[in-house]
Amino acid sequence: MLYIYALSSINRNYIYVGMTQDLEARIKRHNDGREKTTRAYRPFELIFSESLDVERAEARKREKYWKSGIGKEKLRQIRDNK
């Protein structure tokens, strides 16, 4: 099982999209500052996740969608309507 997830920085206007097999552990890594790309934007809250029972290549396509302009706009709407 793979998860596509989106994290929103609590203090800054930043959304990160990623893919993982262990969602809870991955979010903890981001919030603990163990990921270089997101360290400066901590802390994070989970704003979106979806589980996929597909091959990694298919999940990657879905991740790319959420990282695209259209996908990021939808994530901003999700974040702003919370």
C-alpha atoms as a PDB file:
ATOM      1  CA  MET A   1       0.000   0.000   0.000  1.00  0.00           C
ATOM      2  CA  LEU A   2       1.335   3.404  -0.979  1.00  0.00           C
ATOM      3  CA  TYR A   3       0.175   6.767   0.280  1.00  0.00           C
ATOM      4  CA  ILE A   4       0.216  10.112  -1.467  1.00  0.00           C
ATOM      5  CA  TYR A   5       0.144  12.911   1.081  1.00  0.00           C
ATOM      6  CA  ALA A   6       0.228  16.683   1.340  1.00  0.00           C
ATOM      7  CA  LEU A   7       1.596  18.635   4.272  1.00  0.00           C
ATOM      8  CA  SER A   8       1.000  22.300   4.903  1.00  0.00           C
ATOM      9  CA  SER A   9       3.434  24.411   6.875  1.00  0.00           C
ATOM     10  CA  ILE A  10       1.686  25.892   9.894  1.00  0.00           C
ATOM     11  CA  ASN A  11       3.838  29.049   9.922  1.00  0.00           C
ATOM     12  CA  ARG A  12       4.520  29.643   6.218  1.00  0.00           C
ATOM     13  CA  ASN A  13       2.723  29.448   2.881  1.00  0.00           C
ATOM     14  CA  TYR A  14       4.191  26.115   1.780  1.00  0.00           C
ATOM     15  CA  ILE A  15       2.647  22.801   0.725  1.00  0.00           C
ATOM     16  CA  TYR A  16       4.721  19.650   0.320  1.00  0.00           C
ATOM     17  CA  VAL A  17       3.490  16.598  -1.602  1.00  0.00           C
ATOM     18  CA  GLY A  18       5.123  13.189  -1.203  1.00  0.00           C
ATOM     19  CA  MET A  19       4.692   9.435  -1.429  1.00  0.00           C
ATOM     20  CA  THR A  20       5.421   6.798   1.213  1.00  0.00           C
ATOM     21  CA  GLN A  21       4.555   3.342   2.507  1.00  0.00           C
ATOM     22  CA  ASP A  22       4.390   4.449   6.171  1.00  0.00           C
ATOM     23  CA  LEU A  23       2.438   7.686   6.443  1.00  0.00           C
ATOM     24  CA  GLU A  24       2.739   8.270  10.198  1.00  0.00           C
ATOM     25  CA  ALA A  25       6.503   7.707  10.238  1.00  0.00           C
ATOM     26  CA  ARG A  26       6.975   9.954   7.210  1.00  0.00           C
ATOM     27  CA  ILE A  27       5.053  12.852   8.754  1.00  0.00           C
ATOM     28  CA  LYS A  28       7.091  12.450  11.934  1.00  0.00           C
ATOM     29  CA  ARG A  29      10.332  12.626   9.908  1.00  0.00           C
ATOM     30  CA  HIS A  30       9.193  15.896   8.334  1.00  0.00           C
ATOM     31  CA  ASN A  31       8.174  17.431  11.662  1.00  0.00           C
ATOM     32  CA  ASP A  32      11.358  16.263  13.375  1.00  0.00           C
ATOM     33  CA  GLY A  33      13.472  18.067  10.759  1.00  0.00           C
ATOM     34  CA  ARG A  34      14.991  14.889   9.369  1.00  0.00           C
ATOM     35  CA  GLU A  35      14.163  15.819   5.752  1.00  0.00           C
ATOM     36  CA  LYS A  36      16.398  18.505   4.279  1.00  0.00           C
ATOM     37  CA  THR A  37      13.844  19.783   1.740  1.00  0.00           C
ATOM     38  CA  THR A  38      11.201  20.578   4.355  1.00  0.00           C
ATOM     39  CA  ARG A  39      13.267  21.367   7.454  1.00  0.00           C
ATOM     40  CA  ALA A  40      12.923  25.159   7.135  1.00  0.00           C
ATOM     41  CA  TYR A  41       9.124  24.986   6.850  1.00  0.00           C
ATOM     42  CA  ARG A  42       8.344  23.037  10.044  1.00  0.00           C
ATOM     43  CA  PRO A  43       5.957  22.358  11.729  1.00  0.00           C
ATOM     44  CA  PHE A  44       3.488  20.692   9.360  1.00  0.00           C
ATOM     45  CA  GLU A  45      -0.073  19.490   9.436  1.00  0.00           C
ATOM     46  CA  LEU A  46      -1.475  16.788   7.182  1.00  0.00           C
ATOM     47  CA  ILE A  47      -4.073  18.310   4.857  1.00  0.00           C
ATOM     48  CA  PHE A  48      -4.570  15.450   2.404  1.00  0.00           C
ATOM     49  CA  SER A  49      -3.756  11.772   1.964  1.00  0.00           C
ATOM     50  CA  GLU A  50      -4.909   8.960  -0.251  1.00  0.00           C
ATOM     51  CA  SER A  51      -4.034   5.284  -0.131  1.00  0.00           C
ATOM     52  CA  LEU A  52      -3.327   3.460  -3.358  1.00  0.00           C
ATOM     53  CA  ASP A  53      -3.100  -0.271  -3.902  1.00  0.00           C
ATOM     54  CA  VAL A  54      -1.192  -0.012  -7.189  1.00  0.00           C
ATOM     55  CA  GLU A  55       2.340  -0.358  -8.520  1.00  0.00           C
ATOM     56  CA  ARG A  56       4.824   2.354  -7.605  1.00  0.00           C
ATOM     57  CA  ALA A  57       4.848   3.741 -11.162  1.00  0.00           C
ATOM     58  CA  GLU A  58       1.084   4.303 -11.051  1.00  0.00           C
ATOM     59  CA  ALA A  59       1.320   5.943  -7.629  1.00  0.00           C
ATOM     60  CA  ARG A  60       4.081   8.206  -8.972  1.00  0.00           C
ATOM     61  CA  LYS A  61       1.723   9.463 -11.683  1.00  0.00           C
ATOM     62  CA  ARG A  62      -0.811  10.375  -9.012  1.00  0.00           C
ATOM     63  CA  GLU A  63       1.868  12.120  -6.950  1.00  0.00           C
ATOM     64  CA  LYS A  64       2.906  14.134 -10.023  1.00  0.00           C
ATOM     65  CA  TYR A  65      -0.700  15.242 -10.488  1.00  0.00           C
ATOM     66  CA  TRP A  66      -0.850  16.630  -6.938  1.00  0.00           C
ATOM     67  CA  LYS A  67       2.485  18.400  -7.495  1.00  0.00           C
ATOM     68  CA  SER A  68       1.199  20.032 -10.698  1.00  0.00           C
ATOM     69  CA  GLY A  69      -0.363  23.482 -10.856  1.00  0.00           C
ATOM     70  CA  ILE A  70      -3.919  22.119 -10.880  1.00  0.00           C
ATOM     71  CA  GLY A  71      -3.203  19.702  -8.037  1.00  0.00           C
ATOM     72  CA  LYS A  72      -1.503  22.356  -5.896  1.00  0.00           C
ATOM     73  CA  GLU A  73      -4.456  24.705  -6.438  1.00  0.00           C
ATOM     74  CA  LYS A  74      -6.855  22.017  -5.181  1.00  0.00           C
ATOM     75  CA  LEU A  75      -4.613  21.456  -2.153  1.00  0.00           C
ATOM     76  CA  ARG A  76      -4.644  25.193  -1.395  1.00  0.00           C
ATOM     77  CA  GLN A  77      -8.441  25.103  -1.479  1.00  0.00           C
ATOM     78  CA  ILE A  78      -8.473  22.111   0.890  1.00  0.00           C
ATOM     79  CA  ARG A  79      -6.042  23.887   3.246  1.00  0.00           C
ATOM     80  CA  ASP A  80      -7.914  27.188   3.177  1.00  0.00           C
ATOM     81  CA  ASN A  81     -11.328  25.617   3.783  1.00  0.00           C
ATOM     82  CA  LYS A  82     -10.288  23.817   6.975  1.00  0.00           C
END
